[in-house]
Amino acid sequence: MKKYKVWILLILCVLFWSGNYIFGSLVVSELTPIGLTFIRWLFASVILLMVAQKIEKPDWKEVFEQWPKILALSLFGVTGYNLLLYYALYYTSPLNASLVNSFNPGLIAIVSAIYLKEKITMHHIFGIFISFLGVLIVLTKGNLLQALTTEYNTGDLLIIAAVISWTVYSIISKKLTTVPPITSTGVSGLITALMLFPFAMNNGVSYLNMSTLALTAVIYIVLFPSMLSFVLWNVGVREIGAAKTGIFLNLNPVFTAFISWSMGREITWVQITGGILVFTGVYITTAFKGKPSGIK
């Protein structure tokens, strides 16, 4: 596949993920985080498993043998991350959520260096520091000197918890090498739907009488961020490699900011400054190579 076609697919992939923040913030009050996570993965998992059977043709015996890791993927990545994200959107803006979430690659690099013994360079350390500074600017609304005394927004703190949850998910997924990625995501999503079923049935949501907005949001979240983005992401990894594909995640807060602005939401200079620092830090972390530091 030609490079420019891969780039277009990855741009669409991240654009769809950005829309998850916007649609999630619009309907989370009506559907509740549990209800939205349940209905999202109930349908997405079925679609992903059909796609996996067609594309990956998984060895289902091996899938069942790896159930402890897949269960952990479900608890931390699908259930934990999604619930924390949607609860966070009760309290913070989609843009703030995407900006804080952009620190994820840096945290994954740190944890991978500690637990997976992956090499980390001075460029990594510098980039992670710049990203963390950007996140701190967003969290403190620019009052860096009051970082220890600032009362942080509940939503921003929940996003940090979501980032930690996704980091654990990423570390576990790196160790799950015998199950294809679409298959593992589909099975993890199905486990999540089954676990949340009793809670979703008793959280006061009338799934058969959703508003037009909620129904539109669910259809979007199931088809685009849950299914298409994941397939497009794996196409990118296969065609140009994981490192180059990861750089496209930097577009997430950019797209979220543009969508928020187009919907009339205010974007502050603090968010812009923090976003630029996060973007720069993640780019340095993923795009440059250097001599390994003492951290391994």
Protein backbone atom coordinates (compact mmCIF):
# COMPACT_ATOMS: atom_id res chain seq x y z
CA MET A 1 0.00 0.00 0.00
CA LYS A 2 1.32 3.48 -0.87
CA LYS A 3 2.44 5.63 2.06
CA TYR A 4 0.01 8.47 1.45
CA LYS A 5 -2.90 6.01 1.56
CA VAL A 6 -1.67 4.64 4.90
CA TRP A 7 -1.37 8.21 6.23
CA ILE A 8 -4.96 8.97 5.19
CA LEU A 9 -6.20 5.82 6.92
CA LEU A 10 -4.32 6.70 10.13
CA ILE A 11 -5.57 10.28 10.08
CA LEU A 12 -9.14 8.94 9.83
CA CYS A 13 -8.36 6.45 12.63
CA VAL A 14 -7.32 9.20 15.06
CA LEU A 15 -10.15 11.49 13.91
CA PHE A 16 -12.66 8.78 14.84
CA TRP A 17 -11.04 8.35 18.26
CA SER A 18 -11.22 12.10 18.81
CA GLY A 19 -14.94 11.97 18.15
CA ASN A 20 -15.30 9.50 21.04
CA TYR A 21 -14.47 12.32 23.50
CA ILE A 22 -17.05 14.63 21.93
CA PHE A 23 -19.92 12.15 21.59
CA GLY A 24 -19.14 10.63 24.99
CA SER A 25 -19.39 14.03 26.68
CA LEU A 26 -22.72 14.75 24.95
CA VAL A 27 -24.57 11.59 26.02
CA VAL A 28 -22.84 10.29 29.15
CA SER A 29 -25.48 11.94 31.37
CA GLU A 30 -28.32 10.17 29.58
CA LEU A 31 -26.72 6.75 29.18
CA THR A 32 -24.38 6.83 32.24
CA PRO A 33 -20.76 5.61 31.88
CA ILE A 34 -21.75 2.03 32.69
CA GLY A 35 -24.62 2.07 30.21
CA LEU A 36 -22.52 3.63 27.44
CA THR A 37 -19.57 1.26 27.99
CA PHE A 38 -21.91 -1.76 28.06
CA ILE A 39 -23.84 -0.96 24.90
CA ARG A 40 -20.67 0.14 23.08
CA TRP A 41 -18.81 -3.11 23.66
CA LEU A 42 -21.83 -5.38 23.39
CA PHE A 43 -22.13 -4.50 19.71
CA ALA A 44 -18.49 -3.62 18.98
CA SER A 45 -17.18 -6.94 20.29
CA VAL A 46 -19.48 -8.94 18.01
CA ILE A 47 -18.42 -6.90 14.97
CA LEU A 48 -14.72 -7.10 15.90
CA LEU A 49 -14.89 -10.86 16.37
CA MET A 50 -16.46 -11.28 12.93
CA VAL A 51 -13.73 -9.07 11.43
CA ALA A 52 -11.07 -11.04 13.33
CA GLN A 53 -12.40 -14.36 12.06
CA LYS A 54 -12.25 -13.04 8.50
CA ILE A 55 -8.87 -11.28 8.67
CA GLU A 56 -6.83 -12.95 11.43
CA LYS A 57 -8.34 -16.46 11.47
CA PRO A 58 -7.35 -16.94 15.14
CA ASP A 59 -6.48 -20.20 16.86
CA TRP A 60 -9.36 -20.30 19.34
CA LYS A 61 -7.69 -22.99 21.45
CA GLU A 62 -4.78 -20.61 22.03
CA VAL A 63 -7.22 -17.77 22.76
CA PHE A 64 -8.88 -19.79 25.53
CA GLU A 65 -5.49 -20.85 26.95
CA GLN A 66 -4.55 -17.16 27.29
CA TRP A 67 -7.73 -16.28 29.23
CA PRO A 68 -5.92 -14.77 32.29
CA LYS A 69 -4.15 -12.16 30.14
CA ILE A 70 -7.27 -11.47 28.08
CA LEU A 71 -9.31 -11.03 31.27
CA ALA A 72 -6.69 -8.55 32.50
CA LEU A 73 -6.91 -6.70 29.17
CA SER A 74 -10.65 -6.46 29.64
CA LEU A 75 -10.42 -5.22 33.24
CA PHE A 76 -7.78 -2.54 32.62
CA GLY A 77 -8.12 -1.55 28.96
CA VAL A 78 -11.73 -2.01 27.95
CA THR A 79 -13.67 -1.79 31.22
CA GLY A 80 -11.35 0.34 33.36
CA TYR A 81 -10.21 2.83 30.73
CA ASN A 82 -13.66 3.38 29.22
CA LEU A 83 -15.47 3.78 32.53
CA LEU A 84 -12.86 6.21 33.84
CA LEU A 85 -12.95 8.20 30.58
CA TYR A 86 -16.73 8.49 30.49
CA TYR A 87 -16.96 9.36 34.20
CA ALA A 88 -14.27 12.00 33.65
CA LEU A 89 -16.40 13.62 30.94
CA TYR A 90 -18.97 14.43 33.63
CA TYR A 91 -16.50 16.91 35.09
CA THR A 92 -13.99 18.02 32.45
CA SER A 93 -14.03 19.09 28.81
CA PRO A 94 -13.31 16.69 25.93
CA LEU A 95 -10.26 18.81 25.05
CA ASN A 96 -8.80 18.63 28.57
CA ALA A 97 -9.41 14.87 28.55
CA SER A 98 -7.60 14.40 25.23
CA LEU A 99 -4.71 16.66 26.29
CA VAL A 100 -4.08 14.78 29.54
CA ASN A 101 -4.56 11.48 27.74
CA SER A 102 -1.81 12.50 25.30
CA PHE A 103 0.76 11.84 28.02
CA ASN A 104 0.01 8.14 27.64
CA PRO A 105 2.89 7.29 25.23
CA GLY A 106 5.38 8.85 27.65
CA LEU A 107 4.08 6.89 30.63
CA ILE A 108 4.06 3.69 28.59
CA ALA A 109 7.72 4.33 27.68
CA ILE A 110 8.65 4.74 31.37
CA VAL A 111 6.79 1.63 32.53
CA SER A 112 8.10 -0.42 29.57
CA ALA A 113 11.65 0.55 30.54
CA ILE A 114 11.07 -0.60 34.13
CA TYR A 115 9.05 -3.78 33.63
CA LEU A 116 9.86 -4.91 30.07
CA LYS A 117 13.51 -3.80 30.20
CA GLU A 118 13.07 -1.77 27.02
CA LYS A 119 15.81 0.77 26.37
CA ILE A 120 15.01 4.40 27.02
CA THR A 121 17.20 7.18 25.59
CA MET A 122 17.98 10.69 26.76
CA HIS A 123 15.61 11.89 24.01
CA HIS A 124 12.88 9.79 25.63
CA ILE A 125 13.56 11.30 29.05
CA PHE A 126 13.58 14.85 27.69
CA GLY A 127 10.42 14.28 25.65
CA ILE A 128 8.59 12.71 28.61
CA PHE A 129 9.57 15.67 30.80
CA ILE A 130 8.25 18.17 28.22
CA SER A 131 4.99 16.20 27.89
CA PHE A 132 4.55 16.03 31.66
CA LEU A 133 5.13 19.79 31.88
CA GLY A 134 2.38 20.32 29.29
CA VAL A 135 -0.04 18.09 31.20
CA LEU A 136 0.78 19.91 34.44
CA ILE A 137 0.03 23.26 32.78
CA VAL A 138 -3.39 21.96 31.70
CA LEU A 139 -4.14 20.48 35.15
CA THR A 140 -3.13 23.62 37.07
CA LYS A 141 -4.65 26.02 34.52
CA GLY A 142 -1.21 27.56 34.10
CA ASN A 143 -0.46 28.00 37.85
CA LEU A 144 2.63 25.80 37.95
CA LEU A 145 3.94 27.41 41.14
CA GLN A 146 0.77 26.31 42.91
CA ALA A 147 0.91 22.71 41.65
CA LEU A 148 0.94 21.26 45.17
CA THR A 149 -1.89 23.42 46.50
CA THR A 150 -4.20 23.55 43.49
CA GLU A 151 -7.57 21.80 43.85
CA TYR A 152 -7.57 19.62 40.74
CA ASN A 153 -10.65 19.01 38.65
CA THR A 154 -12.16 15.60 39.40
CA GLY A 155 -12.43 14.85 35.70
CA ASP A 156 -8.74 15.57 35.08
CA LEU A 157 -7.78 13.24 37.94
CA LEU A 158 -10.03 10.52 36.51
CA ILE A 159 -8.30 10.92 33.14
CA ILE A 160 -4.94 10.40 34.87
CA ALA A 161 -6.37 7.20 36.36
CA ALA A 162 -7.54 6.22 32.86
CA VAL A 163 -4.04 6.83 31.50
CA ILE A 164 -2.58 4.57 34.19
CA SER A 165 -5.20 1.91 33.41
CA TRP A 166 -4.38 2.07 29.69
CA THR A 167 -0.66 1.83 30.45
CA VAL A 168 -1.23 -1.40 32.37
CA TYR A 169 -3.33 -2.64 29.44
CA SER A 170 -0.53 -1.78 26.99
CA ILE A 171 2.10 -3.60 29.03
CA ILE A 172 -0.07 -6.73 29.27
CA SER A 173 -0.90 -6.58 25.54
CA LYS A 174 2.82 -6.46 24.69
CA LYS A 175 3.19 -9.79 26.49
CA LEU A 176 0.20 -11.32 24.69
CA THR A 177 1.99 -12.28 21.48
CA THR A 178 0.10 -15.46 20.55
CA VAL A 179 -3.36 -13.90 20.12
CA PRO A 180 -3.93 -11.46 17.19
CA PRO A 181 -4.85 -7.88 18.26
CA ILE A 182 -8.34 -7.62 16.75
CA THR A 183 -9.24 -10.99 18.26
CA SER A 184 -7.97 -10.04 21.71
CA THR A 185 -9.86 -6.73 21.58
CA GLY A 186 -13.08 -8.44 20.48
CA VAL A 187 -12.88 -11.06 23.21
CA SER A 188 -11.94 -8.43 25.83
CA GLY A 189 -14.90 -6.30 24.75
CA LEU A 190 -17.27 -9.26 25.00
CA ILE A 191 -16.02 -10.03 28.53
CA THR A 192 -16.62 -6.38 29.46
CA ALA A 193 -20.18 -6.48 28.11
CA LEU A 194 -20.91 -9.66 30.08
CA MET A 195 -19.41 -8.24 33.29
CA LEU A 196 -21.34 -4.97 33.00
CA PHE A 197 -24.65 -6.58 31.97
CA PRO A 198 -26.20 -6.86 35.49
CA PHE A 199 -25.10 -3.31 36.38
CA ALA A 200 -26.26 -1.89 33.05
CA MET A 201 -29.69 -3.44 33.48
CA ASN A 202 -30.12 -1.73 36.86
CA ASN A 203 -28.76 1.77 36.27
CA GLY A 204 -32.00 3.39 35.14
CA VAL A 205 -31.23 3.61 31.41
CA SER A 206 -34.02 2.81 28.97
CA TYR A 207 -32.06 1.40 26.04
CA LEU A 208 -35.17 1.00 23.91
CA ASN A 209 -36.17 4.64 24.38
CA MET A 210 -32.91 6.49 23.82
CA SER A 211 -33.02 9.99 22.42
CA THR A 212 -31.96 10.59 18.83
CA LEU A 213 -28.70 12.11 20.05
CA ALA A 214 -27.89 9.13 22.27
CA LEU A 215 -28.72 6.64 19.52
CA THR A 216 -26.55 8.55 17.04
CA ALA A 217 -23.69 8.65 19.55
CA VAL A 218 -23.91 4.91 20.22
CA ILE A 219 -23.92 4.07 16.50
CA TYR A 220 -20.93 6.36 15.96
CA ILE A 221 -18.96 5.01 18.94
CA VAL A 222 -19.63 1.37 17.99
CA LEU A 223 -18.78 1.71 14.30
CA PHE A 224 -15.96 4.26 14.28
CA PRO A 225 -13.81 4.45 17.47
CA SER A 226 -14.50 0.84 18.48
CA MET A 227 -14.31 -0.99 15.15
CA LEU A 228 -12.96 1.04 12.22
CA SER A 229 -10.24 2.85 14.18
CA PHE A 230 -8.85 -0.39 15.53
CA VAL A 231 -8.78 -2.05 12.10
CA LEU A 232 -7.18 1.04 10.49
CA TRP A 233 -4.64 1.23 13.33
CA ASN A 234 -3.55 -2.35 12.70
CA VAL A 235 -3.26 -1.67 8.96
CA GLY A 236 -0.92 1.22 9.81
CA VAL A 237 1.20 -0.89 12.17
CA ARG A 238 1.51 -3.59 9.51
CA GLU A 239 2.40 -1.17 6.71
CA ILE A 240 4.74 1.39 8.38
CA GLY A 241 5.54 -0.04 11.83
CA ALA A 242 4.38 0.69 15.37
CA ALA A 243 6.77 3.59 16.06
CA LYS A 244 5.75 5.66 13.03
CA THR A 245 2.08 4.78 13.52
CA GLY A 246 2.24 5.97 17.14
CA ILE A 247 3.21 9.49 16.04
CA PHE A 248 -0.26 9.94 14.54
CA LEU A 249 -1.72 9.86 18.08
CA ASN A 250 -0.38 13.40 18.42
CA LEU A 251 -3.28 14.47 16.20
CA ASN A 252 -5.83 13.41 18.83
CA PRO A 253 -5.93 16.67 20.86
CA VAL A 254 -5.64 18.67 17.62
CA PHE A 255 -8.76 17.06 16.17
CA THR A 256 -10.58 17.25 19.51
CA ALA A 257 -9.76 20.96 19.78
CA PHE A 258 -10.97 21.62 16.24
CA ILE A 259 -14.24 19.72 16.78
CA SER A 260 -14.78 21.49 20.13
CA TRP A 261 -14.12 24.88 18.53
CA SER A 262 -16.48 24.13 15.62
CA MET A 263 -19.20 23.34 18.19
CA GLY A 264 -18.69 26.73 19.84
CA ARG A 265 -16.69 25.58 22.86
CA GLU A 266 -14.00 27.92 24.17
CA ILE A 267 -10.34 27.00 23.81
CA THR A 268 -8.00 28.77 26.24
CA TRP A 269 -4.36 29.78 25.79
CA VAL A 270 -3.49 27.50 28.70
CA GLN A 271 -4.92 24.53 26.78
CA ILE A 272 -3.12 25.59 23.61
CA THR A 273 0.23 26.02 25.42
CA GLY A 274 -0.13 22.74 27.31
CA GLY A 275 -1.19 20.95 24.15
CA ILE A 276 1.83 22.22 22.20
CA LEU A 277 4.17 21.02 24.96
CA VAL A 278 2.48 17.61 25.13
CA PHE A 279 2.62 17.33 21.33
CA THR A 280 6.30 18.33 21.25
CA GLY A 281 7.25 15.98 24.07
CA VAL A 282 5.49 12.97 22.55
CA TYR A 283 7.05 13.75 19.15
CA ILE A 284 10.54 13.86 20.69
CA THR A 285 9.82 10.62 22.57
CA THR A 286 8.65 8.70 19.50
CA ALA A 287 10.53 10.24 16.58
CA PHE A 288 14.13 10.56 17.76
CA LYS A 289 16.73 7.99 18.59
CA GLY A 290 19.71 8.53 20.80
CA LYS A 291 22.21 6.80 23.06
CA PRO A 292 20.54 4.67 25.72
CA SER A 293 20.54 6.15 29.20
CA GLY A 294 21.14 4.23 32.39
CA ILE A 295 17.44 3.38 32.62
CA LYS A 296 16.72 -0.03 31.04
